[in-house]
């Protein structure tokens, strides 16, 4: 068996039009379906009369789609985890289907969608930057929001926890790196 060239999986191999279409499908189909999966679980348990879907720029550098779940705190344990992981689970299903289609009908475009979707799944599972992995980890730690707890510890409103302290410091580092990376990209673009 021949070794696979790692460059085969780099997005730099795709044309501008391939990337534009991958971006379009990702932002108009995959990410809204991710958010819809959160909504479906939220609706299953709470039946809200009104729900807000939106788009924002987080930390001045990261565009995100979101669904507001104002009664998230009402859910506990497995129900909360189900809500938090619903979007990622749906993206894994999309990844699986895209992989099947790519095996049956090899396509550079589908390969690009697989790569980008997998990157989004991994990014979403990071326990930082208030993405899905962040909320899942907060639930595992037994706190509503580990950064809120982190800040409250330093204001002496909450008991000191080493795990939350370390995660909070790493999270601040990730936010700073995200902003620096964004600014560096802007500088490269204009210089």
C-alpha atoms as a PDB file:
ATOM      1  CA  UNK A   1       0.000   0.000   0.000  1.00  0.00           C
ATOM      2  CA  UNK A   2       1.349   3.416  -0.956  1.00  0.00           C
ATOM      3  CA  UNK A   3       1.643   6.038   1.783  1.00  0.00           C
ATOM      4  CA  UNK A   4      -0.863   8.886   1.559  1.00  0.00           C
ATOM      5  CA  UNK A   5       0.641  12.277   0.815  1.00  0.00           C
ATOM      6  CA  UNK A   6      -0.306  14.585   3.745  1.00  0.00           C
ATOM      7  CA  UNK A   7      -0.545  17.521   1.313  1.00  0.00           C
ATOM      8  CA  UNK A   8      -3.628  15.796  -0.122  1.00  0.00           C
ATOM      9  CA  UNK A   9      -5.535  16.996   2.965  1.00  0.00           C
ATOM     10  CA  UNK A  10      -4.363  20.622   2.959  1.00  0.00           C
ATOM     11  CA  UNK A  11      -6.899  23.247   1.996  1.00  0.00           C
ATOM     12  CA  UNK A  12      -4.224  25.033  -0.062  1.00  0.00           C
ATOM     13  CA  UNK A  13      -4.758  22.418  -2.798  1.00  0.00           C
ATOM     14  CA  UNK A  14      -8.235  23.800  -3.490  1.00  0.00           C
ATOM     15  CA  UNK A  15      -8.984  26.571  -5.971  1.00  0.00           C
ATOM     16  CA  UNK A  16     -10.543  29.856  -4.944  1.00  0.00           C
ATOM     17  CA  UNK A  17     -13.907  28.667  -6.309  1.00  0.00           C
ATOM     18  CA  UNK A  18     -13.673  25.353  -4.455  1.00  0.00           C
ATOM     19  CA  UNK A  19     -12.979  27.227  -1.228  1.00  0.00           C
ATOM     20  CA  UNK A  20     -15.792  29.693  -1.893  1.00  0.00           C
ATOM     21  CA  UNK A  21     -18.265  26.822  -2.412  1.00  0.00           C
ATOM     22  CA  UNK A  22     -16.961  24.943   0.636  1.00  0.00           C
ATOM     23  CA  UNK A  23     -17.382  28.115   2.705  1.00  0.00           C
ATOM     24  CA  UNK A  24     -20.871  28.703   1.295  1.00  0.00           C
ATOM     25  CA  UNK A  25     -22.058  25.150   2.034  1.00  0.00           C
ATOM     26  CA  UNK A  26     -20.461  25.208   5.477  1.00  0.00           C
ATOM     27  CA  UNK A  27     -22.038  28.511   6.499  1.00  0.00           C
ATOM     28  CA  UNK A  28     -25.440  28.045   4.890  1.00  0.00           C
ATOM     29  CA  UNK A  29     -26.000  24.318   5.490  1.00  0.00           C
ATOM     30  CA  UNK A  30     -23.671  22.616   7.982  1.00  0.00           C
ATOM     31  CA  UNK A  31     -23.441  25.295  10.687  1.00  0.00           C
ATOM     32  CA  UNK A  32     -27.164  26.129  10.663  1.00  0.00           C
ATOM     33  CA  UNK A  33     -27.910  22.380  10.922  1.00  0.00           C
ATOM     34  CA  UNK A  34     -25.494  22.210  13.869  1.00  0.00           C
ATOM     35  CA  UNK A  35     -27.456  24.967  15.586  1.00  0.00           C
ATOM     36  CA  UNK A  36     -30.770  23.404  14.625  1.00  0.00           C
ATOM     37  CA  UNK A  37     -29.655  20.198  16.387  1.00  0.00           C
ATOM     38  CA  UNK A  38     -29.166  22.248  19.577  1.00  0.00           C
ATOM     39  CA  UNK A  39     -32.611  23.759  19.060  1.00  0.00           C
ATOM     40  CA  UNK A  40     -34.230  20.341  18.558  1.00  0.00           C
ATOM     41  CA  UNK A  41     -32.944  19.111  21.932  1.00  0.00           C
ATOM     42  CA  UNK A  42     -33.769  22.417  23.629  1.00  0.00           C
ATOM     43  CA  UNK A  43     -37.304  22.267  22.217  1.00  0.00           C
ATOM     44  CA  UNK A  44     -37.671  18.617  23.203  1.00  0.00           C
ATOM     45  CA  UNK A  45     -37.255  19.471  26.873  1.00  0.00           C
ATOM     46  CA  UNK A  46     -38.468  23.071  27.239  1.00  0.00           C
ATOM     47  CA  UNK A  47     -40.876  23.841  24.352  1.00  0.00           C
ATOM     48  CA  UNK A  48     -40.007  27.578  24.179  1.00  0.00           C
ATOM     49  CA  UNK A  49     -42.453  29.840  22.374  1.00  0.00           C
ATOM     50  CA  UNK A  50     -39.658  31.929  20.872  1.00  0.00           C
ATOM     51  CA  UNK A  51     -36.052  31.105  19.979  1.00  0.00           C
ATOM     52  CA  UNK A  52     -33.276  33.345  18.689  1.00  0.00           C
ATOM     53  CA  UNK A  53     -30.769  32.168  16.110  1.00  0.00           C
ATOM     54  CA  UNK A  54     -27.935  34.520  15.342  1.00  0.00           C
ATOM     55  CA  UNK A  55     -24.463  35.241  14.102  1.00  0.00           C
ATOM     56  CA  UNK A  56     -21.749  37.086  15.972  1.00  0.00           C
ATOM     57  CA  UNK A  57     -18.048  37.790  16.038  1.00  0.00           C
ATOM     58  CA  UNK A  58     -16.604  36.314  19.230  1.00  0.00           C
ATOM     59  CA  UNK A  59     -13.381  37.763  20.695  1.00  0.00           C
ATOM     60  CA  UNK A  60     -13.147  40.128  17.708  1.00  0.00           C
ATOM     61  CA  UNK A  61     -11.833  37.246  15.621  1.00  0.00           C
ATOM     62  CA  UNK A  62     -14.098  34.190  15.481  1.00  0.00           C
ATOM     63  CA  UNK A  63     -17.348  34.275  13.478  1.00  0.00           C
ATOM     64  CA  UNK A  64     -19.970  32.004  15.062  1.00  0.00           C
ATOM     65  CA  UNK A  65     -23.579  31.027  14.515  1.00  0.00           C
ATOM     66  CA  UNK A  66     -25.544  30.512  17.700  1.00  0.00           C
ATOM     67  CA  UNK A  67     -28.898  29.716  19.180  1.00  0.00           C
ATOM     68  CA  UNK A  68     -29.867  31.446  22.398  1.00  0.00           C
ATOM     69  CA  UNK A  69     -30.881  28.964  25.049  1.00  0.00           C
ATOM     70  CA  UNK A  70     -31.865  31.215  27.946  1.00  0.00           C
ATOM     71  CA  UNK A  71     -33.192  28.361  30.074  1.00  0.00           C
ATOM     72  CA  UNK A  72     -30.067  26.223  29.628  1.00  0.00           C
ATOM     73  CA  UNK A  73     -29.510  26.291  33.392  1.00  0.00           C
ATOM     74  CA  UNK A  74     -32.854  24.556  33.969  1.00  0.00           C
ATOM     75  CA  UNK A  75     -31.495  21.418  32.326  1.00  0.00           C
ATOM     76  CA  UNK A  76     -29.242  19.231  34.466  1.00  0.00           C
ATOM     77  CA  UNK A  77     -26.852  16.327  33.940  1.00  0.00           C
ATOM     78  CA  UNK A  78     -27.535  14.152  30.906  1.00  0.00           C
ATOM     79  CA  UNK A  79     -30.148  16.504  29.461  1.00  0.00           C
ATOM     80  CA  UNK A  80     -27.686  19.400  29.533  1.00  0.00           C
ATOM     81  CA  UNK A  81     -24.960  17.236  27.975  1.00  0.00           C
ATOM     82  CA  UNK A  82     -27.416  16.118  25.298  1.00  0.00           C
ATOM     83  CA  UNK A  83     -28.145  19.762  24.471  1.00  0.00           C
ATOM     84  CA  UNK A  84     -24.472  20.761  24.436  1.00  0.00           C
ATOM     85  CA  UNK A  85     -23.337  17.852  22.255  1.00  0.00           C
ATOM     86  CA  UNK A  86     -26.303  17.809  19.850  1.00  0.00           C
ATOM     87  CA  UNK A  87     -24.652  20.047  17.251  1.00  0.00           C
ATOM     88  CA  UNK A  88     -21.384  18.123  17.261  1.00  0.00           C
ATOM     89  CA  UNK A  89     -23.223  14.796  17.012  1.00  0.00           C
ATOM     90  CA  UNK A  90     -25.125  16.105  14.004  1.00  0.00           C
ATOM     91  CA  UNK A  91     -21.873  17.271  12.398  1.00  0.00           C
ATOM     92  CA  UNK A  92     -20.374  13.809  12.966  1.00  0.00           C
ATOM     93  CA  UNK A  93     -23.367  12.354  11.113  1.00  0.00           C
ATOM     94  CA  UNK A  94     -22.781  14.847   8.272  1.00  0.00           C
ATOM     95  CA  UNK A  95     -19.080  13.915   8.260  1.00  0.00           C
ATOM     96  CA  UNK A  96     -20.005  10.224   7.985  1.00  0.00           C
ATOM     97  CA  UNK A  97     -22.416  10.874   5.090  1.00  0.00           C
ATOM     98  CA  UNK A  98     -19.887  13.065   3.280  1.00  0.00           C
ATOM     99  CA  UNK A  99     -17.284  10.315   3.684  1.00  0.00           C
ATOM    100  CA  UNK A 100     -19.677   7.724   2.220  1.00  0.00           C
ATOM    101  CA  UNK A 101     -20.472  10.002  -0.732  1.00  0.00           C
ATOM    102  CA  UNK A 102     -16.766  10.651  -1.291  1.00  0.00           C
ATOM    103  CA  UNK A 103     -16.002   6.923  -1.329  1.00  0.00           C
ATOM    104  CA  UNK A 104     -18.793   6.313  -3.837  1.00  0.00           C
ATOM    105  CA  UNK A 105     -18.263   9.502  -5.876  1.00  0.00           C
ATOM    106  CA  UNK A 106     -14.705  10.803  -5.340  1.00  0.00           C
ATOM    107  CA  UNK A 107     -14.741  14.580  -5.411  1.00  0.00           C
ATOM    108  CA  UNK A 108     -12.256  17.240  -4.415  1.00  0.00           C
ATOM    109  CA  UNK A 109     -15.156  19.430  -3.296  1.00  0.00           C
ATOM    110  CA  UNK A 110     -16.554  16.714  -0.988  1.00  0.00           C
ATOM    111  CA  UNK A 111     -13.063  16.073   0.375  1.00  0.00           C
ATOM    112  CA  UNK A 112     -12.799  19.788   1.168  1.00  0.00           C
ATOM    113  CA  UNK A 113     -16.152  19.687   2.978  1.00  0.00           C
ATOM    114  CA  UNK A 114     -14.973  16.677   4.985  1.00  0.00           C
ATOM    115  CA  UNK A 115     -11.750  18.454   5.993  1.00  0.00           C
ATOM    116  CA  UNK A 116     -13.505  21.690   6.969  1.00  0.00           C
ATOM    117  CA  UNK A 117     -16.316  19.890   8.803  1.00  0.00           C
ATOM    118  CA  UNK A 118     -13.818  17.780  10.742  1.00  0.00           C
ATOM    119  CA  UNK A 119     -11.904  20.947  11.657  1.00  0.00           C
ATOM    120  CA  UNK A 120     -15.138  22.538  12.872  1.00  0.00           C
ATOM    121  CA  UNK A 121     -16.000  19.455  14.945  1.00  0.00           C
ATOM    122  CA  UNK A 122     -12.587  19.507  16.615  1.00  0.00           C
ATOM    123  CA  UNK A 123     -12.737  23.282  17.191  1.00  0.00           C
ATOM    124  CA  UNK A 124     -16.224  22.991  18.669  1.00  0.00           C
ATOM    125  CA  UNK A 125     -15.074  20.301  21.087  1.00  0.00           C
ATOM    126  CA  UNK A 126     -12.234  22.425  22.468  1.00  0.00           C
ATOM    127  CA  UNK A 127     -13.053  23.251  26.092  1.00  0.00           C
ATOM    128  CA  UNK A 128     -12.254  26.904  25.524  1.00  0.00           C
ATOM    129  CA  UNK A 129     -13.683  30.000  23.825  1.00  0.00           C
ATOM    130  CA  UNK A 130     -17.258  29.261  24.968  1.00  0.00           C
ATOM    131  CA  UNK A 131     -17.919  26.705  22.271  1.00  0.00           C
ATOM    132  CA  UNK A 132     -19.709  23.389  22.869  1.00  0.00           C
ATOM    133  CA  UNK A 133     -16.708  21.724  24.527  1.00  0.00           C
ATOM    134  CA  UNK A 134     -16.529  24.636  26.978  1.00  0.00           C
ATOM    135  CA  UNK A 135     -20.098  24.087  28.150  1.00  0.00           C
ATOM    136  CA  UNK A 136     -19.635  20.317  28.281  1.00  0.00           C
ATOM    137  CA  UNK A 137     -16.547  20.726  30.473  1.00  0.00           C
ATOM    138  CA  UNK A 138     -18.364  23.226  32.700  1.00  0.00           C
ATOM    139  CA  UNK A 139     -21.059  20.606  33.208  1.00  0.00           C
ATOM    140  CA  UNK A 140     -18.461  17.920  33.997  1.00  0.00           C
ATOM    141  CA  UNK A 141     -16.857  20.261  36.547  1.00  0.00           C
ATOM    142  CA  UNK A 142     -20.230  20.784  38.197  1.00  0.00           C
ATOM    143  CA  UNK A 143     -20.340  24.548  37.558  1.00  0.00           C
ATOM    144  CA  UNK A 144     -22.687  26.607  35.378  1.00  0.00           C
ATOM    145  CA  UNK A 145     -19.869  28.426  33.552  1.00  0.00           C
ATOM    146  CA  UNK A 146     -16.277  27.725  34.538  1.00  0.00           C
ATOM    147  CA  UNK A 147     -15.006  31.179  33.467  1.00  0.00           C
ATOM    148  CA  UNK A 148     -17.671  32.885  35.569  1.00  0.00           C
ATOM    149  CA  UNK A 149     -16.580  30.655  38.454  1.00  0.00           C
ATOM    150  CA  UNK A 150     -12.922  31.496  37.677  1.00  0.00           C
ATOM    151  CA  UNK A 151     -13.629  35.240  37.888  1.00  0.00           C
ATOM    152  CA  UNK A 152     -15.718  34.804  41.051  1.00  0.00           C
ATOM    153  CA  UNK A 153     -12.809  32.926  42.696  1.00  0.00           C
ATOM    154  CA  UNK A 154     -10.579  35.966  42.290  1.00  0.00           C
ATOM    155  CA  UNK A 155     -13.288  38.220  43.682  1.00  0.00           C
ATOM    156  CA  UNK A 156     -13.424  35.826  46.665  1.00  0.00           C
ATOM    157  CA  UNK A 157     -17.080  35.012  45.932  1.00  0.00           C
ATOM    158  CA  UNK A 158     -16.373  31.346  45.190  1.00  0.00           C
ATOM    159  CA  UNK A 159     -14.161  28.726  46.792  1.00  0.00           C
ATOM    160  CA  UNK A 160     -10.759  28.278  45.100  1.00  0.00           C
ATOM    161  CA  UNK A 161     -10.538  25.263  42.778  1.00  0.00           C
ATOM    162  CA  UNK A 162      -7.221  24.409  41.152  1.00  0.00           C
ATOM    163  CA  UNK A 163      -8.904  22.705  38.155  1.00  0.00           C
ATOM    164  CA  UNK A 164     -11.009  25.765  37.379  1.00  0.00           C
ATOM    165  CA  UNK A 165      -8.040  28.063  37.954  1.00  0.00           C
ATOM    166  CA  UNK A 166      -5.836  26.189  35.472  1.00  0.00           C
ATOM    167  CA  UNK A 167      -8.613  25.959  32.881  1.00  0.00           C
ATOM    168  CA  UNK A 168      -9.388  29.657  33.298  1.00  0.00           C
ATOM    169  CA  UNK A 169      -5.756  30.615  32.711  1.00  0.00           C
ATOM    170  CA  UNK A 170      -5.574  28.387  29.631  1.00  0.00           C
ATOM    171  CA  UNK A 171      -8.851  29.854  28.360  1.00  0.00           C
ATOM    172  CA  UNK A 172      -7.509  33.406  28.703  1.00  0.00           C
ATOM    173  CA  UNK A 173      -4.409  32.273  26.808  1.00  0.00           C
ATOM    174  CA  UNK A 174      -6.558  30.795  24.038  1.00  0.00           C
ATOM    175  CA  UNK A 175      -8.578  34.018  23.751  1.00  0.00           C
ATOM    176  CA  UNK A 176      -5.393  36.072  23.541  1.00  0.00           C
ATOM    177  CA  UNK A 177      -3.934  33.703  20.919  1.00  0.00           C
ATOM    178  CA  UNK A 178      -7.163  33.904  18.938  1.00  0.00           C
ATOM    179  CA  UNK A 179      -7.026  37.712  18.900  1.00  0.00           C
ATOM    180  CA  UNK A 180      -3.287  37.788  18.090  1.00  0.00           C
ATOM    181  CA  UNK A 181      -3.817  35.314  15.240  1.00  0.00           C
ATOM    182  CA  UNK A 182      -6.657  37.437  13.879  1.00  0.00           C
ATOM    183  CA  UNK A 183      -4.565  40.608  14.059  1.00  0.00           C
ATOM    184  CA  UNK A 184      -1.592  38.848  12.425  1.00  0.00           C
ATOM    185  CA  UNK A 185      -3.855  37.707   9.577  1.00  0.00           C
ATOM    186  CA  UNK A 186      -5.048  41.278   9.084  1.00  0.00           C
ATOM    187  CA  UNK A 187      -1.471  42.569   9.116  1.00  0.00           C
ATOM    188  CA  UNK A 188      -0.419  39.963   6.515  1.00  0.00           C
ATOM    189  CA  UNK A 189      -3.341  40.949   4.349  1.00  0.00           C
ATOM    190  CA  UNK A 190      -2.454  44.650   4.329  1.00  0.00           C
ATOM    191  CA  UNK A 191       1.327  44.319   4.301  1.00  0.00           C
END
